[in-house]
C-alpha atoms as a PDB file:
ATOM      1  CA  MET A   1     -12.052   0.167 -37.327  1.00  0.00           C
ATOM      2  CA  ALA A   2      -9.232   0.809 -39.816  1.00  0.00           C
ATOM      3  CA  ALA A   3     -11.846   1.684 -42.499  1.00  0.00           C
ATOM      4  CA  ARG A   4     -13.531   4.155 -40.107  1.00  0.00           C
ATOM      5  CA  ARG A   5     -10.201   5.798 -39.363  1.00  0.00           C
ATOM      6  CA  HIS A   6      -9.513   6.063 -43.104  1.00  0.00           C
ATOM      7  CA  GLU A   7     -12.966   7.725 -43.660  1.00  0.00           C
ATOM      8  CA  GLU A   8     -12.291  10.208 -40.853  1.00  0.00           C
ATOM      9  CA  PHE A   9      -8.928  11.119 -42.387  1.00  0.00           C
ATOM     10  CA  ALA A  10     -10.499  11.395 -45.905  1.00  0.00           C
ATOM     11  CA  PHE A  11     -13.167  13.752 -44.421  1.00  0.00           C
ATOM     12  CA  SER A  12     -10.513  15.947 -42.824  1.00  0.00           C
ATOM     13  CA  TYR A  13      -8.383  15.947 -45.924  1.00  0.00           C
ATOM     14  CA  LYS A  14     -11.421  16.856 -48.028  1.00  0.00           C
ATOM     15  CA  MET A  15     -12.183  19.793 -45.708  1.00  0.00           C
ATOM     16  CA  ILE A  16      -8.673  21.136 -46.039  1.00  0.00           C
ATOM     17  CA  GLY A  17      -8.905  20.812 -49.820  1.00  0.00           C
ATOM     18  CA  GLY A  18      -5.518  19.185 -50.256  1.00  0.00           C
ATOM     19  CA  CYS A  19      -3.686  22.101 -48.622  1.00  0.00           C
ATOM     20  CA  LYS A  20      -0.207  21.338 -47.269  1.00  0.00           C
ATOM     21  CA  ASN A  21      -0.854  23.030 -43.906  1.00  0.00           C
ATOM     22  CA  ILE A  22      -3.603  24.601 -41.792  1.00  0.00           C
ATOM     23  CA  GLN A  23      -2.482  28.156 -42.617  1.00  0.00           C
ATOM     24  CA  ALA A  24      -3.202  27.564 -46.348  1.00  0.00           C
ATOM     25  CA  PHE A  25      -6.754  26.434 -45.650  1.00  0.00           C
ATOM     26  CA  LYS A  26      -9.240  28.938 -47.127  1.00  0.00           C
ATOM     27  CA  GLY A  27     -12.200  28.581 -44.787  1.00  0.00           C
ATOM     28  CA  SER A  28     -13.876  30.349 -41.884  1.00  0.00           C
ATOM     29  CA  ASN A  29     -12.468  30.310 -38.376  1.00  0.00           C
ATOM     30  CA  ASN A  30     -15.204  27.912 -37.310  1.00  0.00           C
ATOM     31  CA  GLN A  31     -14.357  25.532 -40.183  1.00  0.00           C
ATOM     32  CA  ARG A  32     -10.689  25.755 -39.332  1.00  0.00           C
ATOM     33  CA  LEU A  33     -11.366  24.894 -35.638  1.00  0.00           C
ATOM     34  CA  THR A  34     -13.604  21.968 -36.712  1.00  0.00           C
ATOM     35  CA  LEU A  35     -10.824  20.779 -38.958  1.00  0.00           C
ATOM     36  CA  ILE A  36      -8.228  20.918 -36.210  1.00  0.00           C
ATOM     37  CA  LYS A  37     -10.499  19.008 -33.834  1.00  0.00           C
ATOM     38  CA  HIS A  38     -11.055  16.219 -36.499  1.00  0.00           C
ATOM     39  CA  LEU A  39      -7.335  15.991 -37.228  1.00  0.00           C
ATOM     40  CA  ARG A  40      -6.505  15.947 -33.511  1.00  0.00           C
ATOM     41  CA  ASP A  41      -9.004  13.250 -32.775  1.00  0.00           C
ATOM     42  CA  TRP A  42      -7.906  11.189 -35.761  1.00  0.00           C
ATOM     43  CA  LEU A  43      -4.252  11.378 -34.833  1.00  0.00           C
ATOM     44  CA  ARG A  44      -4.979  10.423 -31.210  1.00  0.00           C
ATOM     45  CA  ARG A  45      -6.845   7.318 -32.339  1.00  0.00           C
ATOM     46  CA  VAL A  46      -4.106   6.396 -34.770  1.00  0.00           C
ATOM     47  CA  LEU A  47      -1.517   6.804 -32.014  1.00  0.00           C
ATOM     48  CA  PHE A  48      -3.408   4.424 -29.634  1.00  0.00           C
ATOM     49  CA  PHE A  49      -4.006   2.039 -32.608  1.00  0.00           C
ATOM     50  CA  CYS A  50      -0.285   1.923 -33.301  1.00  0.00           C
ATOM     51  CA  MET A  51       0.395   1.241 -29.615  1.00  0.00           C
ATOM     52  CA  SER A  52      -1.687  -1.835 -29.583  1.00  0.00           C
ATOM     53  CA  SER A  53       0.174  -5.199 -29.674  1.00  0.00           C
ATOM     54  CA  THR A  54      -2.467  -6.378 -32.166  1.00  0.00           C
ATOM     55  CA  TYR A  55      -1.452  -3.850 -34.751  1.00  0.00           C
ATOM     56  CA  THR A  56      -1.580  -5.647 -38.052  1.00  0.00           C
ATOM     57  CA  MET A  57       1.020  -3.987 -40.271  1.00  0.00           C
ATOM     58  CA  GLY A  58       3.999  -5.991 -39.277  1.00  0.00           C
ATOM     59  CA  PHE A  59       5.403  -4.591 -35.979  1.00  0.00           C
ATOM     60  CA  THR A  60       4.555  -4.665 -32.322  1.00  0.00           C
ATOM     61  CA  MET A  61       5.140  -1.837 -29.774  1.00  0.00           C
ATOM     62  CA  PRO A  62       6.960  -2.769 -26.538  1.00  0.00           C
ATOM     63  CA  PHE A  63       3.761  -2.788 -24.461  1.00  0.00           C
ATOM     64  CA  ASP A  64       0.247  -4.088 -24.949  1.00  0.00           C
ATOM     65  CA  ARG A  65      -2.906  -1.992 -25.454  1.00  0.00           C
ATOM     66  CA  PRO A  66      -6.212  -3.887 -25.326  1.00  0.00           C
ATOM     67  CA  HIS A  67      -8.979  -2.686 -27.666  1.00  0.00           C
ATOM     68  CA  ASN A  68     -11.486  -1.450 -25.075  1.00  0.00           C
ATOM     69  CA  HIS A  69     -12.635   1.713 -23.391  1.00  0.00           C
ATOM     70  CA  LEU A  70      -9.163   2.170 -21.799  1.00  0.00           C
ATOM     71  CA  THR A  71      -7.763   3.233 -25.239  1.00  0.00           C
ATOM     72  CA  GLU A  72      -9.729   6.434 -24.866  1.00  0.00           C
ATOM     73  CA  LEU A  73      -7.667   7.481 -21.831  1.00  0.00           C
ATOM     74  CA  PRO A  74      -4.794  10.026 -22.195  1.00  0.00           C
ATOM     75  CA  LEU A  75      -1.410   8.586 -22.961  1.00  0.00           C
ATOM     76  CA  TYR A  76       0.044   9.556 -19.494  1.00  0.00           C
ATOM     77  CA  LYS A  77      -2.800   7.529 -17.822  1.00  0.00           C
ATOM     78  CA  HIS A  78      -1.760   4.422 -19.785  1.00  0.00           C
ATOM     79  CA  VAL A  79       1.883   4.871 -18.800  1.00  0.00           C
ATOM     80  CA  SER A  80       0.839   5.419 -15.178  1.00  0.00           C
ATOM     81  CA  MET A  81      -1.110   2.182 -15.154  1.00  0.00           C
ATOM     82  CA  MET A  82       1.721   0.161 -16.727  1.00  0.00           C
ATOM     83  CA  LEU A  83       4.296   1.685 -14.426  1.00  0.00           C
ATOM     84  CA  ALA A  84       2.081   0.847 -11.404  1.00  0.00           C
ATOM     85  CA  GLU A  85       1.775  -2.757 -12.563  1.00  0.00           C
ATOM     86  CA  GLU A  86       5.618  -2.972 -12.964  1.00  0.00           C
ATOM     87  CA  ILE A  87       6.157  -1.546  -9.393  1.00  0.00           C
ATOM     88  CA  ILE A  88       3.706  -4.051  -7.872  1.00  0.00           C
ATOM     89  CA  SER A  89       5.207  -7.034  -9.681  1.00  0.00           C
ATOM     90  CA  LYS A  90       8.868  -6.182  -9.608  1.00  0.00           C
ATOM     91  CA  HIS A  91       9.601  -3.797  -6.755  1.00  0.00           C
ATOM     92  CA  LYS A  92       9.346  -3.644  -2.989  1.00  0.00           C
ATOM     93  CA  PRO A  93       8.964  -0.713  -0.576  1.00  0.00           C
ATOM     94  CA  GLY A  94      12.153   1.342  -0.460  1.00  0.00           C
ATOM     95  CA  ASP A  95      13.343   0.582  -4.004  1.00  0.00           C
ATOM     96  CA  ILE A  96      14.547   3.518  -6.041  1.00  0.00           C
ATOM     97  CA  LEU A  97      12.997   3.628  -9.547  1.00  0.00           C
ATOM     98  CA  PRO A  98      15.104   4.203 -12.719  1.00  0.00           C
ATOM     99  CA  SER A  99      15.583   7.808 -13.747  1.00  0.00           C
ATOM    100  CA  GLU A 100      12.989   9.701 -15.682  1.00  0.00           C
ATOM    101  CA  ILE A 101      15.110   9.567 -18.790  1.00  0.00           C
ATOM    102  CA  GLU A 102      15.385   5.823 -18.648  1.00  0.00           C
ATOM    103  CA  LEU A 103      11.708   5.318 -17.949  1.00  0.00           C
ATOM    104  CA  ALA A 104      10.741   7.656 -20.764  1.00  0.00           C
ATOM    105  CA  LYS A 105      12.886   5.690 -23.227  1.00  0.00           C
ATOM    106  CA  ARG A 106      11.416   2.367 -21.893  1.00  0.00           C
ATOM    107  CA  TYR A 107       7.854   3.461 -22.490  1.00  0.00           C
ATOM    108  CA  LYS A 108       8.577   5.376 -25.679  1.00  0.00           C
ATOM    109  CA  VAL A 109       7.199   8.714 -24.376  1.00  0.00           C
ATOM    110  CA  ASN A 110       8.616  12.129 -23.771  1.00  0.00           C
ATOM    111  CA  ARG A 111       9.650  13.303 -20.303  1.00  0.00           C
ATOM    112  CA  HIS A 112       6.604  15.585 -19.850  1.00  0.00           C
ATOM    113  CA  THR A 113       4.255  12.626 -20.370  1.00  0.00           C
ATOM    114  CA  LEU A 114       6.371  10.430 -18.025  1.00  0.00           C
ATOM    115  CA  ARG A 115       6.362  13.127 -15.350  1.00  0.00           C
ATOM    116  CA  ARG A 116       2.549  13.382 -15.554  1.00  0.00           C
ATOM    117  CA  ALA A 117       2.331   9.587 -15.238  1.00  0.00           C
ATOM    118  CA  MET A 118       4.564   9.525 -12.161  1.00  0.00           C
ATOM    119  CA  GLY A 119       2.590  12.432 -10.721  1.00  0.00           C
ATOM    120  CA  GLU A 120      -0.461  10.225 -10.783  1.00  0.00           C
ATOM    121  CA  LEU A 121       1.409   7.528  -8.742  1.00  0.00           C
ATOM    122  CA  VAL A 122       2.624  10.091  -6.279  1.00  0.00           C
ATOM    123  CA  ASN A 123      -0.909  11.260  -5.646  1.00  0.00           C
ATOM    124  CA  GLU A 124      -2.035   7.682  -5.225  1.00  0.00           C
ATOM    125  CA  GLY A 125       0.696   7.044  -2.619  1.00  0.00           C
ATOM    126  CA  ILE A 126       2.430   4.366  -4.693  1.00  0.00           C
ATOM    127  CA  ILE A 127       5.686   6.279  -5.096  1.00  0.00           C
ATOM    128  CA  GLY A 128       7.295   9.278  -3.430  1.00  0.00           C
ATOM    129  CA  LYS A 129      10.000  11.733  -4.332  1.00  0.00           C
ATOM    130  CA  LEU A 130      13.245  11.922  -2.501  1.00  0.00           C
ATOM    131  CA  GLN A 131      15.582  15.000  -3.090  1.00  0.00           C
ATOM    132  CA  GLY A 132      18.700  13.853  -4.775  1.00  0.00           C
ATOM    133  CA  LYS A 133      17.566  10.247  -5.231  1.00  0.00           C
ATOM    134  CA  GLY A 134      14.491  10.274  -7.465  1.00  0.00           C
ATOM    135  CA  ALA A 135      11.264   8.230  -7.075  1.00  0.00           C
ATOM    136  CA  ILE A 136      10.952   5.730  -4.251  1.00  0.00           C
ATOM    137  CA  VAL A 137       8.397   2.926  -3.829  1.00  0.00           C
ATOM    138  CA  GLN A 138       6.132   3.672  -0.819  1.00  0.00           C
ATOM    139  CA  GLN A 139       4.950   1.246   1.908  1.00  0.00           C
ATOM    140  CA  LYS A 140       1.734  -0.596   2.098  1.00  0.00           C
ATOM    141  CA  LEU A 141      -0.804   0.214   4.809  1.00  0.00           C
ATOM    142  CA  ILE A 142       0.426  -0.529   8.315  1.00  0.00           C
ATOM    143  CA  ASN A 143      -1.538  -0.628  11.550  1.00  0.00           C
ATOM    144  CA  TYR A 144       0.287   1.403  14.198  1.00  0.00           C
ATOM    145  CA  SER A 145      -0.974   0.961  17.770  1.00  0.00           C
ATOM    146  CA  ILE A 146      -0.901   3.785  20.239  1.00  0.00           C
ATOM    147  CA  HIS A 147      -0.965   2.901  23.877  1.00  0.00           C
ATOM    148  CA  SER A 148       0.850   3.769  27.094  1.00  0.00           C
ATOM    149  CA  ASN A 149       4.005   1.760  26.222  1.00  0.00           C
ATOM    150  CA  THR A 150       4.217   2.073  22.431  1.00  0.00           C
ATOM    151  CA  ARG A 151       7.698   1.547  21.079  1.00  0.00           C
ATOM    152  CA  TYR A 152       8.428   2.388  17.433  1.00  0.00           C
ATOM    153  CA  THR A 153      10.873  -0.482  16.701  1.00  0.00           C
ATOM    154  CA  ASP A 154       8.706  -3.121  18.527  1.00  0.00           C
ATOM    155  CA  THR A 155       5.540  -1.987  16.717  1.00  0.00           C
ATOM    156  CA  LEU A 156       7.040  -2.287  13.312  1.00  0.00           C
ATOM    157  CA  GLU A 157       8.887  -5.535  13.878  1.00  0.00           C
ATOM    158  CA  LYS A 158       5.593  -7.094  15.057  1.00  0.00           C
ATOM    159  CA  ASN A 159       4.314  -6.132  11.588  1.00  0.00           C
ATOM    160  CA  GLY A 160       7.274  -7.872   9.980  1.00  0.00           C
ATOM    161  CA  ARG A 161       8.954  -4.583   8.973  1.00  0.00           C
ATOM    162  CA  VAL A 162      12.523  -3.323   9.328  1.00  0.00           C
ATOM    163  CA  ALA A 163      12.692  -0.209  11.470  1.00  0.00           C
ATOM    164  CA  GLU A 164      15.426   2.483  11.490  1.00  0.00           C
ATOM    165  CA  SER A 165      15.793   5.767  13.327  1.00  0.00           C
ATOM    166  CA  ILE A 166      18.027   8.602  12.052  1.00  0.00           C
ATOM    167  CA  VAL A 167      18.826  11.744  13.991  1.00  0.00           C
ATOM    168  CA  LEU A 168      18.387  14.796  11.710  1.00  0.00           C
ATOM    169  CA  ARG A 169      18.863  17.650  14.177  1.00  0.00           C
ATOM    170  CA  LYS A 170      19.743  18.385  17.815  1.00  0.00           C
ATOM    171  CA  ALA A 171      19.653  21.790  19.515  1.00  0.00           C
ATOM    172  CA  GLY A 172      18.924  23.503  22.812  1.00  0.00           C
ATOM    173  CA  ILE A 173      16.070  26.052  22.724  1.00  0.00           C
ATOM    174  CA  PRO A 174      14.101  28.048  25.322  1.00  0.00           C
ATOM    175  CA  ALA A 175      10.665  26.557  26.178  1.00  0.00           C
ATOM    176  CA  GLN A 176       7.854  28.675  24.800  1.00  0.00           C
ATOM    177  CA  GLY A 177       4.017  28.302  24.526  1.00  0.00           C
ATOM    178  CA  GLU A 178       2.688  24.772  24.418  1.00  0.00           C
ATOM    179  CA  ILE A 179       6.119  23.301  24.878  1.00  0.00           C
ATOM    180  CA  ALA A 180       6.519  24.923  28.309  1.00  0.00           C
ATOM    181  CA  GLU A 181       2.848  24.120  29.108  1.00  0.00           C
ATOM    182  CA  HIS A 182       3.016  20.407  28.305  1.00  0.00           C
ATOM    183  CA  LEU A 183       6.420  19.847  29.935  1.00  0.00           C
ATOM    184  CA  GLN A 184       5.275  21.914  32.969  1.00  0.00           C
ATOM    185  CA  VAL A 185       8.427  24.068  32.907  1.00  0.00           C
ATOM    186  CA  GLU A 186       8.901  27.859  33.090  1.00  0.00           C
ATOM    187  CA  GLU A 187       8.899  29.943  29.906  1.00  0.00           C
ATOM    188  CA  GLY A 188      12.459  30.340  28.705  1.00  0.00           C
ATOM    189  CA  GLU A 189      13.726  27.198  30.503  1.00  0.00           C
ATOM    190  CA  PRO A 190      16.221  25.315  28.309  1.00  0.00           C
ATOM    191  CA  VAL A 191      14.843  22.238  26.539  1.00  0.00           C
ATOM    192  CA  ALA A 192      16.404  19.791  24.143  1.00  0.00           C
ATOM    193  CA  LEU A 193      14.989  19.589  20.624  1.00  0.00           C
ATOM    194  CA  ILE A 194      15.773  16.379  18.845  1.00  0.00           C
ATOM    195  CA  GLU A 195      14.385  15.636  15.358  1.00  0.00           C
ATOM    196  CA  THR A 196      14.381  12.043  14.158  1.00  0.00           C
ATOM    197  CA  LEU A 197      13.310  10.376  10.942  1.00  0.00           C
ATOM    198  CA  ARG A 198      11.851   6.894  11.335  1.00  0.00           C
ATOM    199  CA  ASN A 199      12.245   4.713   8.253  1.00  0.00           C
ATOM    200  CA  MET A 200      10.217   1.552   7.609  1.00  0.00           C
ATOM    201  CA  ASP A 201      11.832  -0.913   5.179  1.00  0.00           C
ATOM    202  CA  GLY A 202      14.216   1.846   4.118  1.00  0.00           C
ATOM    203  CA  VAL A 203      11.409   4.340   3.320  1.00  0.00           C
ATOM    204  CA  PRO A 204      10.560   7.487   5.323  1.00  0.00           C
ATOM    205  CA  PHE A 205       7.548   6.808   7.540  1.00  0.00           C
ATOM    206  CA  ILE A 206       7.453   9.125  10.584  1.00  0.00           C
ATOM    207  CA  LEU A 207       9.087  12.486  11.202  1.00  0.00           C
ATOM    208  CA  VAL A 208       9.337  13.091  15.014  1.00  0.00           C
ATOM    209  CA  THR A 209      10.342  16.171  16.937  1.00  0.00           C
ATOM    210  CA  HIS A 210      11.140  15.519  20.664  1.00  0.00           C
ATOM    211  CA  TYR A 211      11.278  18.182  23.359  1.00  0.00           C
ATOM    212  CA  LEU A 212      12.861  17.304  26.712  1.00  0.00           C
ATOM    213  CA  PRO A 213      13.679  19.488  29.769  1.00  0.00           C
ATOM    214  CA  LEU A 214      17.498  19.663  29.943  1.00  0.00           C
ATOM    215  CA  ARG A 215      17.480  19.741  33.771  1.00  0.00           C
ATOM    216  CA  LYS A 216      16.161  16.194  33.620  1.00  0.00           C
ATOM    217  CA  VAL A 217      18.342  14.836  30.749  1.00  0.00           C
ATOM    218  CA  PHE A 218      21.152  17.412  30.895  1.00  0.00           C
ATOM    219  CA  ASP A 219      23.560  16.013  28.291  1.00  0.00           C
ATOM    220  CA  VAL A 220      21.119  14.212  25.894  1.00  0.00           C
ATOM    221  CA  ILE A 221      22.040  16.547  23.024  1.00  0.00           C
ATOM    222  CA  LYS A 222      25.673  15.578  23.281  1.00  0.00           C
ATOM    223  CA  LEU A 223      25.314  11.846  23.971  1.00  0.00           C
ATOM    224  CA  TYR A 224      22.295  10.684  21.995  1.00  0.00           C
ATOM    225  CA  ASN A 225      23.079   9.854  18.336  1.00  0.00           C
ATOM    226  CA  GLU A 226      21.055   6.831  17.299  1.00  0.00           C
ATOM    227  CA  GLY A 227      18.584   4.106  18.187  1.00  0.00           C
ATOM    228  CA  SER A 228      15.599   4.268  20.571  1.00  0.00           C
ATOM    229  CA  LEU A 229      15.466   7.571  22.488  1.00  0.00           C
ATOM    230  CA  HIS A 230      13.371   6.060  25.250  1.00  0.00           C
ATOM    231  CA  LYS A 231      15.828   3.280  25.711  1.00  0.00           C
ATOM    232  CA  PHE A 232      18.663   5.785  25.769  1.00  0.00           C
ATOM    233  CA  ILE A 233      16.811   7.728  28.524  1.00  0.00           C
ATOM    234  CA  LYS A 234      16.159   4.652  30.501  1.00  0.00           C
ATOM    235  CA  ASP A 235      19.755   3.475  30.265  1.00  0.00           C
ATOM    236  CA  ASN A 236      21.429   6.819  31.024  1.00  0.00           C
ATOM    237  CA  TYR A 237      19.013   8.529  33.387  1.00  0.00           C
ATOM    238  CA  ASP A 238      17.091   5.650  34.945  1.00  0.00           C
ATOM    239  CA  ILE A 239      13.823   7.246  33.704  1.00  0.00           C
ATOM    240  CA  ASP A 240      11.144   4.801  32.396  1.00  0.00           C
ATOM    241  CA  LEU A 241       8.758   6.659  30.131  1.00  0.00           C
ATOM    242  CA  LYS A 242       5.091   5.870  29.429  1.00  0.00           C
ATOM    243  CA  ARG A 243       2.541   7.767  27.276  1.00  0.00           C
ATOM    244  CA  LYS A 244       0.105   9.843  29.315  1.00  0.00           C
ATOM    245  CA  MET A 245      -1.953  11.235  26.416  1.00  0.00           C
ATOM    246  CA  SER A 246      -1.913  11.753  22.644  1.00  0.00           C
ATOM    247  CA  MET A 247      -3.711  14.379  20.467  1.00  0.00           C
ATOM    248  CA  ILE A 248      -4.297  13.334  16.821  1.00  0.00           C
ATOM    249  CA  ARG A 249      -5.351  15.382  13.851  1.00  0.00           C
ATOM    250  CA  SER A 250      -4.916  15.455  10.062  1.00  0.00           C
ATOM    251  CA  VAL A 251      -3.038  18.327   8.415  1.00  0.00           C
ATOM    252  CA  LEU A 252      -1.265  19.031   5.127  1.00  0.00           C
ATOM    253  CA  PRO A 253       2.549  18.880   5.165  1.00  0.00           C
ATOM    254  CA  ASP A 254       4.767  21.961   4.917  1.00  0.00           C
ATOM    255  CA  LYS A 255       7.710  22.015   2.487  1.00  0.00           C
ATOM    256  CA  ASP A 256      10.148  20.599   5.005  1.00  0.00           C
ATOM    257  CA  GLU A 257       7.845  17.653   5.783  1.00  0.00           C
ATOM    258  CA  MET A 258       7.204  17.087   2.128  1.00  0.00           C
ATOM    259  CA  ALA A 259      10.903  16.753   1.449  1.00  0.00           C
ATOM    260  CA  LYS A 260      11.737  14.562   4.466  1.00  0.00           C
ATOM    261  CA  LEU A 261       8.757  12.267   4.107  1.00  0.00           C
ATOM    262  CA  ALA A 262       8.871  12.083   0.319  1.00  0.00           C
ATOM    263  CA  ILE A 263       5.220  13.058  -0.111  1.00  0.00           C
ATOM    264  CA  PRO A 264       3.348  15.654  -2.266  1.00  0.00           C
ATOM    265  CA  GLY A 265       1.811  18.750  -0.780  1.00  0.00           C
ATOM    266  CA  ASN A 266      -1.739  17.400  -1.122  1.00  0.00           C
ATOM    267  CA  ALA A 267      -1.074  14.209   0.763  1.00  0.00           C
ATOM    268  CA  PRO A 268      -2.377  14.591   4.405  1.00  0.00           C
ATOM    269  CA  ILE A 269      -0.235  13.615   7.294  1.00  0.00           C
ATOM    270  CA  LEU A 270      -1.428  12.396  10.732  1.00  0.00           C
ATOM    271  CA  LEU A 271      -0.067  14.779  13.380  1.00  0.00           C
ATOM    272  CA  VAL A 272       0.226  13.082  16.775  1.00  0.00           C
ATOM    273  CA  LYS A 273       1.306  15.158  19.816  1.00  0.00           C
ATOM    274  CA  SER A 274       2.078  12.969  22.808  1.00  0.00           C
ATOM    275  CA  ILE A 275       3.113  13.664  26.419  1.00  0.00           C
ATOM    276  CA  ASN A 276       5.307  10.975  28.029  1.00  0.00           C
ATOM    277  CA  ILE A 277       5.863  10.971  31.764  1.00  0.00           C
ATOM    278  CA  ASP A 278       8.296   9.412  34.248  1.00  0.00           C
ATOM    279  CA  THR A 279       6.606   6.317  35.625  1.00  0.00           C
ATOM    280  CA  LYS A 280       8.044   6.983  39.126  1.00  0.00           C
ATOM    281  CA  THR A 281       7.355  10.641  39.601  1.00  0.00           C
ATOM    282  CA  GLN A 282       4.491  11.050  37.065  1.00  0.00           C
ATOM    283  CA  THR A 283       6.114  14.233  35.845  1.00  0.00           C
ATOM    284  CA  PRO A 284       6.331  15.105  32.096  1.00  0.00           C
ATOM    285  CA  ILE A 285       9.687  14.285  30.538  1.00  0.00           C
ATOM    286  CA  GLU A 286       8.957  14.427  26.826  1.00  0.00           C
ATOM    287  CA  LEU A 287       6.641  16.164  24.406  1.00  0.00           C
ATOM    288  CA  SER A 288       6.816  14.451  21.023  1.00  0.00           C
ATOM    289  CA  VAL A 289       5.280  15.723  17.782  1.00  0.00           C
ATOM    290  CA  SER A 290       5.018  12.890  15.195  1.00  0.00           C
ATOM    291  CA  ARG A 291       4.063  13.235  11.588  1.00  0.00           C
ATOM    292  CA  PHE A 292       2.880   9.968  10.044  1.00  0.00           C
ATOM    293  CA  LYS A 293       2.391   9.516   6.324  1.00  0.00           C
ATOM    294  CA  GLY A 294      -1.390   9.363   6.107  1.00  0.00           C
ATOM    295  CA  ASN A 295      -1.631   7.268   2.953  1.00  0.00           C
ATOM    296  CA  CYS A 296       0.003   4.223   4.511  1.00  0.00           C
ATOM    297  CA  THR A 297      -0.854   4.577   8.235  1.00  0.00           C
ATOM    298  CA  GLN A 298      -3.770   3.312  10.269  1.00  0.00           C
ATOM    299  CA  LEU A 299      -3.574   4.458  13.881  1.00  0.00           C
ATOM    300  CA  THR A 300      -5.239   2.168  16.501  1.00  0.00           C
ATOM    301  CA  VAL A 301      -5.698   3.779  19.898  1.00  0.00           C
ATOM    302  CA  GLU A 302      -5.871   1.216  22.663  1.00  0.00           C
ATOM    303  CA  PRO A 303      -7.687   2.503  25.795  1.00  0.00           C
ATOM    304  CA  THR A 304      -6.206   1.747  29.244  1.00  0.00           C
ATOM    305  CA  GLY A 305      -7.861   1.297  32.558  1.00  0.00           C
END
């Protein structure tokens, strides 16, 4: 193989006629383009040859390159594969990866190549990007059951996961459109909007927006700050909620959802709209809009009755 590379170089050098640079080459445009292609191909092969741990001129690069069809892949693809192997063997969901500068030094590549490699892993759902923190290792597939008494914390703990709920936003808004329709309240009636981020093993998993009629849970905006919202409603208002119905569809995330769930814009999310009712009066108390990360979620709908 070394002899063949030498021949290719000799061919290219002969074409250029010993010129010191491409500009000095006295040939046609087609010959010049052919020369550039030969030199580019030769340099690419030499690069991959030097990156092999079996290189025979007295030194070894910090990572292995087998002599097979994989050596024909672009450099960023190789870095992506090695980084994925490192994540699988050394990291767990929720871990923050080293900075781009540190990873680029480790793999002996420039930051542009490193970013392309990490972009591959983002698209595959192996890592995500968190604003201000960098790259985070994503979760493996989880089976999330939807039934009349689904509870987020209970569902995840049954799967051996650590659940956490963070309140991102609380506000009072007038009921409009489908919010008023699903809660069976008049247009303009005050409702509470509570947005929560549900983490699984320290990694964003579900973004939920809750809508509740304030005449039923009048001071929920002031008092609710953490934990299970349904448990809070049960403890403070003696209202036991159960799911009446859920509507599920797949959509692409908007910029806000991308940032909060640490996902790219081409990663679908599972949008689940659910109506929860008071078990005593059978009246709607909550409309929840949940956005699940589609690349690690399998929803199982359990029929009742």
